Structures are given as structure tokens and as C-alpha cells.
Protein backbone atom coordinates (compact mmCIF):
# COMPACT_ATOMS: atom_id res chain seq x y z
CA MET A 1 -27.53 -1.67 -52.21
CA ARG A 2 -25.39 1.49 -52.42
CA MET A 3 -22.16 1.88 -50.26
CA LYS A 4 -23.50 4.94 -49.15
CA ASP A 5 -26.61 3.26 -47.36
CA LYS A 6 -24.20 0.30 -46.02
CA LEU A 7 -22.11 2.81 -44.39
CA PHE A 8 -25.22 4.72 -42.83
CA ILE A 9 -26.57 1.65 -41.33
CA ASN A 10 -23.13 1.12 -40.22
CA VAL A 11 -23.10 4.49 -38.23
CA LYS A 12 -26.49 4.02 -37.16
CA ALA A 13 -25.84 0.57 -35.14
CA VAL A 14 -23.40 1.93 -33.31
CA LYS A 15 -25.27 3.94 -30.66
CA PRO A 16 -24.14 6.85 -29.70
CA ALA A 17 -24.85 6.20 -26.29
CA ASP A 18 -22.22 2.99 -26.48
CA LYS A 19 -19.14 5.27 -27.55
CA PRO A 20 -17.88 6.65 -24.20
CA PHE A 21 -18.11 3.27 -23.10
CA LYS A 22 -16.15 1.52 -25.40
CA ALA A 23 -13.69 4.11 -25.08
CA PHE A 24 -13.49 3.56 -21.48
CA LYS A 25 -13.15 -0.06 -21.90
CA LYS A 26 -10.49 0.14 -24.33
CA ARG A 27 -8.49 2.63 -21.98
CA PHE A 28 -9.04 0.11 -18.79
CA HIS A 29 -7.68 -3.14 -21.03
CA THR A 30 -4.78 -0.65 -21.67
CA ILE A 31 -4.13 0.19 -18.01
CA MET A 32 -5.25 -2.81 -16.21
CA GLY A 33 -5.28 -5.89 -18.43
CA ASP A 34 -2.43 -7.38 -16.81
CA LYS A 35 -3.49 -6.98 -13.87
CA LEU A 36 -7.51 -7.11 -13.73
CA ASP A 37 -9.35 -9.53 -16.03
CA MET A 38 -13.14 -7.95 -16.04
CA THR A 39 -15.98 -9.01 -18.23
CA ASP A 40 -17.64 -6.55 -20.06
CA GLU A 41 -20.86 -6.59 -17.73
CA GLN A 42 -18.75 -5.99 -14.57
CA LEU A 43 -16.97 -3.20 -16.54
CA ARG A 44 -20.09 -1.54 -17.65
CA THR A 45 -21.29 -1.90 -13.58
CA VAL A 46 -18.46 0.37 -12.88
CA TYR A 47 -19.07 2.74 -15.62
CA ASP A 48 -22.26 3.07 -14.74
CA GLY A 49 -21.37 3.69 -11.06
CA VAL A 50 -19.14 6.47 -11.70
CA SER A 51 -21.13 8.05 -14.60
CA PRO A 52 -23.30 10.27 -12.34
CA TYR A 53 -20.49 11.48 -10.66
CA ILE A 54 -18.35 12.74 -13.79
CA GLU A 55 -19.04 16.30 -14.24
CA THR A 56 -17.62 16.59 -17.52
CA SER A 57 -17.16 13.54 -19.62
CA ILE A 58 -15.56 10.80 -19.61
CA TYR A 59 -13.29 11.78 -22.29
CA ALA A 60 -12.01 14.55 -20.40
CA GLU A 61 -12.07 12.77 -17.24
CA MET A 62 -10.77 9.48 -17.81
CA GLU A 63 -7.38 9.71 -16.43
CA ASP A 64 -9.38 10.13 -13.20
CA VAL A 65 -11.80 7.53 -13.16
CA LEU A 66 -8.58 4.94 -13.84
CA VAL A 67 -6.88 6.45 -10.70
CA ALA A 68 -10.14 5.26 -8.61
CA ILE A 69 -10.02 1.85 -10.57
CA ARG A 70 -6.28 1.40 -9.71
CA ASN A 71 -6.89 2.85 -6.39
CA ALA A 72 -9.58 0.18 -5.64
CA TYR A 73 -7.47 -2.36 -6.84
CA GLN A 74 -4.71 -1.57 -4.45
CA ALA A 75 -7.70 -1.59 -1.66
CA VAL A 76 -8.03 -5.12 -3.06
CA VAL A 77 -4.95 -6.40 -2.85
CA GLY A 78 -4.75 -5.47 0.76
CA TRP A 79 -8.34 -7.12 1.59
CA THR A 80 -7.11 -10.06 -0.11
CA THR A 81 -3.85 -10.03 1.79
CA GLU A 82 -5.63 -9.81 5.27
CA GLU A 83 -8.08 -12.53 4.39
CA ILE A 84 -4.80 -14.75 3.71
CA THR A 85 -2.77 -13.77 6.51
CA SER A 86 -6.14 -14.23 8.66
CA GLU A 87 -6.17 -17.82 7.61
CA GLU A 88 -2.62 -18.36 8.01
CA ASP A 89 -3.20 -17.58 11.59
CA GLN A 90 -5.64 -19.68 12.00
CA ASP A 91 -3.96 -22.10 10.86
CA GLN A 92 -1.31 -21.69 13.18
CA SER A 93 -3.18 -21.52 16.11
CA ASN A 94 -4.50 -24.93 14.80
CA LYS A 95 -1.19 -26.04 14.88
CA ARG A 96 -1.24 -26.96 10.68
CA PRO A 97 2.03 -26.24 9.24
CA ASN A 98 1.99 -23.37 7.20
CA VAL A 99 3.39 -24.56 3.92
CA ARG A 100 3.06 -23.21 0.43
CA THR A 101 2.32 -26.83 -2.14
CA LEU A 102 1.88 -26.81 -5.81
CA GLY A 103 -0.93 -25.49 -7.51
CA GLU A 104 -2.21 -23.24 -4.35
CA PRO A 105 -3.54 -19.97 -6.13
CA ASN A 106 -1.15 -16.77 -6.83
CA GLU A 107 -2.01 -13.66 -6.27
CA HIS A 108 -3.63 -12.83 -9.55
CA GLU A 109 -5.68 -15.93 -9.29
CA VAL A 110 -7.01 -14.82 -5.77
CA ILE A 111 -7.90 -11.48 -6.78
CA GLN A 112 -10.02 -12.71 -9.40
CA SER A 113 -11.57 -15.29 -7.07
CA TYR A 114 -12.51 -12.05 -5.17
CA MET A 115 -13.94 -10.11 -8.06
CA ASN A 116 -16.06 -13.10 -8.93
CA GLN A 117 -17.70 -12.86 -5.76
CA GLU A 118 -20.64 -10.88 -5.94
CA LYS A 119 -20.37 -8.82 -2.72
CA SER A 120 -16.64 -8.94 -3.03
CA PHE A 121 -17.20 -7.08 -6.69
CA ASN A 122 -19.46 -4.81 -5.42
CA ARG A 123 -17.40 -3.36 -2.80
CA PHE A 124 -14.91 -2.89 -5.48
CA VAL A 125 -17.49 -0.88 -7.07
CA THR A 126 -18.26 0.96 -4.17
CA HIS A 127 -14.61 1.91 -3.52
CA VAL A 128 -14.23 3.14 -7.29
CA ILE A 129 -16.95 5.47 -6.74
CA THR A 130 -16.09 6.74 -3.66
CA ASN A 131 -12.45 7.10 -4.16
CA TYR A 132 -13.24 9.07 -7.42
CA GLN A 133 -15.45 11.68 -5.08
CA SER A 134 -12.87 11.67 -2.38
CA LEU A 135 -9.57 13.11 -1.10
CA PRO A 136 -6.23 10.93 -2.34
CA LYS A 137 -5.25 8.63 0.06
CA GLN A 138 -2.01 10.21 0.17
CA ARG A 139 -3.77 13.26 1.68
CA ILE A 140 -3.11 11.57 5.12
CA GLU A 141 0.56 11.89 4.94
CA ARG A 142 0.01 16.01 4.52
CA LEU A 143 -2.55 15.66 7.85
CA MET A 144 -0.95 13.81 10.04
CA VAL A 145 2.00 15.84 10.45
CA ASN A 146 -0.16 18.88 11.95
CA PHE A 147 -2.47 16.96 13.83
CA GLU A 148 -2.20 17.24 17.38
CA GLY A 149 -3.10 13.98 18.39
CA TYR A 150 -0.58 12.61 16.05
CA GLN A 151 2.17 14.70 17.29
CA ASN A 152 1.40 13.89 20.94
CA PHE A 153 1.61 10.40 19.80
CA GLU A 154 4.80 10.57 18.27
CA ARG A 155 6.38 12.16 20.65
CA ARG A 156 5.36 9.56 23.38
CA LEU A 157 6.89 7.05 21.16
CA PHE A 158 9.98 8.16 20.39
CA ASP A 159 10.60 9.93 23.84
CA GLU A 160 13.48 8.69 25.99
CA PRO A 161 11.38 6.74 28.31
CA PHE A 162 9.77 4.48 25.90
CA ILE A 163 12.79 3.83 23.85
CA GLN A 164 14.81 2.80 27.25
CA GLN A 165 11.90 0.53 27.85
CA TYR A 166 11.21 -1.29 24.63
CA GLY A 167 13.90 0.11 22.15
CA PHE A 168 13.65 1.94 19.08
CA ARG A 169 13.02 -1.16 16.92
CA LYS A 170 9.68 -1.57 18.69
CA ALA A 171 8.83 2.32 18.86
CA TYR A 172 9.48 2.23 14.63
CA ASN A 173 7.38 -0.85 14.19
CA LEU A 174 4.61 0.57 16.19
CA HIS A 175 4.83 3.83 14.06
CA THR A 176 5.14 1.83 10.80
CA LYS A 177 1.70 -0.16 12.26
CA LEU A 178 0.16 3.39 12.46
CA ILE A 179 0.39 4.62 8.75
CA LYS A 180 -0.28 1.40 7.20
CA ALA A 181 -3.68 1.50 9.96
CA PHE A 182 -4.36 4.98 8.63
CA TYR A 183 -4.42 3.85 4.57
CA THR A 184 -6.68 0.70 5.96
CA THR A 185 -9.12 2.91 7.60
CA PHE A 186 -9.61 5.06 4.54
CA ASP A 187 -9.61 2.11 1.88
CA ASN A 188 -12.33 0.19 4.48
CA LEU A 189 -14.25 3.42 4.58
CA LEU A 190 -14.54 3.93 1.12
CA GLY A 191 -15.48 0.15 0.65
CA THR A 192 -18.62 0.83 2.43
CA GLY A 193 -19.99 3.94 0.86
CA LYS A 194 -18.36 6.48 2.58
CA ALA A 195 -17.06 9.09 0.56
CA LEU A 196 -14.15 11.43 2.55
CA LYS A 197 -13.78 14.93 0.80
CA SER A 198 -12.60 17.00 3.06
CA ASP A 199 -9.80 17.48 5.64
CA GLN A 200 -12.14 17.73 8.32
CA GLU A 201 -13.84 14.19 7.52
CA MET A 202 -10.32 12.73 7.11
CA LYS A 203 -9.11 14.06 10.74
CA GLU A 204 -12.41 12.96 12.58
CA GLN A 205 -13.05 9.37 10.63
CA VAL A 206 -9.42 8.34 9.90
CA LEU A 207 -6.89 9.91 11.85
CA ALA A 208 -8.67 10.50 15.57
CA PRO A 209 -10.37 6.60 15.45
CA VAL A 210 -7.06 5.09 14.98
CA LEU A 211 -4.86 7.11 16.81
CA GLU A 212 -7.43 6.41 19.77
CA GLN A 213 -6.97 2.89 18.94
CA PHE A 214 -3.00 2.88 19.06
CA GLU A 215 -2.76 4.99 22.53
CA ALA A 216 -5.32 2.74 24.21
CA LYS A 217 -2.78 -0.10 22.84
CA MET A 218 -0.12 1.47 24.71
CA ASP A 219 -1.72 2.38 27.47
CA ALA A 220 -2.36 -1.79 28.14
CA GLN A 221 1.09 -2.67 26.96
CA GLU A 222 2.81 -0.23 29.53
CA GLY A 223 0.04 -1.34 32.40
CA GLU A 224 0.93 -4.69 31.77
CA LEU A 225 4.51 -4.45 32.08
CA HIS A 226 4.09 -1.86 35.23
CA GLU A 227 2.52 -4.96 36.69
CA GLN A 228 4.77 -7.59 36.16
CA SER A 229 7.31 -5.20 37.60
CA GLU A 230 5.68 -4.50 40.76
CA PRO A 231 7.34 -6.58 43.69
CA LEU A 232 4.87 -9.63 45.02
């Protein structure tokens, strides 16, 4: 067989449709290889899931896709941490000592175990797809400072009566938990398949419900303290 014919056979063996996926796979391993071990089948699922939303080509939008994957990975870190914390709280409530032992899985192993579960992996893929379509999570910080509900809550939290009653540390910790709750709610929505494409959606589905929950907690806490302070 002539060399020219051999080269032609090799070219035909590589289907044009596979080239974009191979480029994607190579870039993924370069960026995420030390954090997330994914099989070709899993990568194909991610690639096929996000492809319908790529307006130009995977080559032109490769970095945006990788950003969505990194964001989904961080969401997985949050979800697994939440699960571990919940299990540890349950152990403490059952009076079991919270002691880490040799052989206990590290963060990488926990994440890999999570990703190997079909339901969890599907949640990750869904987050990648919706994150690719959504406003960035960082948009929350820009929106909240001009959001009336947040402004009212912040004034209540850092005004003199609350600080005198509970102290600045309590107010600061509540504020930190509020910001974290915004981010967690954002990730949870994306994990269920809800893309947040506009400022209005971010306000209505992230900021407003989280602030309502925190306002209710503050009302309940202040109400309990008021009852305790009333003379019998």
C-alpha cells in the first residue's frame, strides 16, 4: 500500500465530529485533571449536554465552558461539605465522638465518590449546563447592595439596638451566613436545572427568598429574647 493511501485511511479513521470533543477533553484534563477525574463517557455527557447552547463553536467558547465546569466543581465541593457537616452533626446528636481516623477519605476521594453516583453526577452536569447559560454568581454582590430588601436587613443588623443587644460579632456572623446562603441558593437552583439569565430572576429567586428566611429567623430570635426578659 502506498504511503499516500495509508495517510488517507488514517484521516478517515478520525471522524470530524470527534475532533471538537477531543479538543475539549484535552483542555479539560489540562485545567481540571488534578481536581476531577472523569471518564471519557462522563466527559462526553458534559460535552453533549452543553453543546446545544454553544452559539459559535467549542473552540471559540472553550474557556467559557471550562469556567462553567469549574463553577460546578465548586458547587460539588459545597454540596459534599454540607453532607459531611450534616452527618457530623447527626453523630454529635447521637453522642458519637467526632474523630477523624486514618483511612478516612480526603476531599478528593469524597468528591470522586460523589461524582460516581448517577444522581449526583447528573446534578453536576445540570449545573454545568445551567451555569453556562446564567449570569455569573459574582453578580449577586453587585445586585444585593442596591436591593431594597438587603438594604433594610443590613440597617437592622448593624443599627445600634441590635448591636447593643447581641454584639457586633453576632451581626457580622449573620451577615456572613447571609452571603453564603445567597451563593448556596444560586448553586442549588442551577443544580435543579434552573438557569438564572437576568437580574430580575436573581432578585426574585435568590435574594428575596433568602432575605425573607433571615428576617424570619431574626424575628423569632428577638421574640424569644423578649419573652425571656418579661417578668413572670
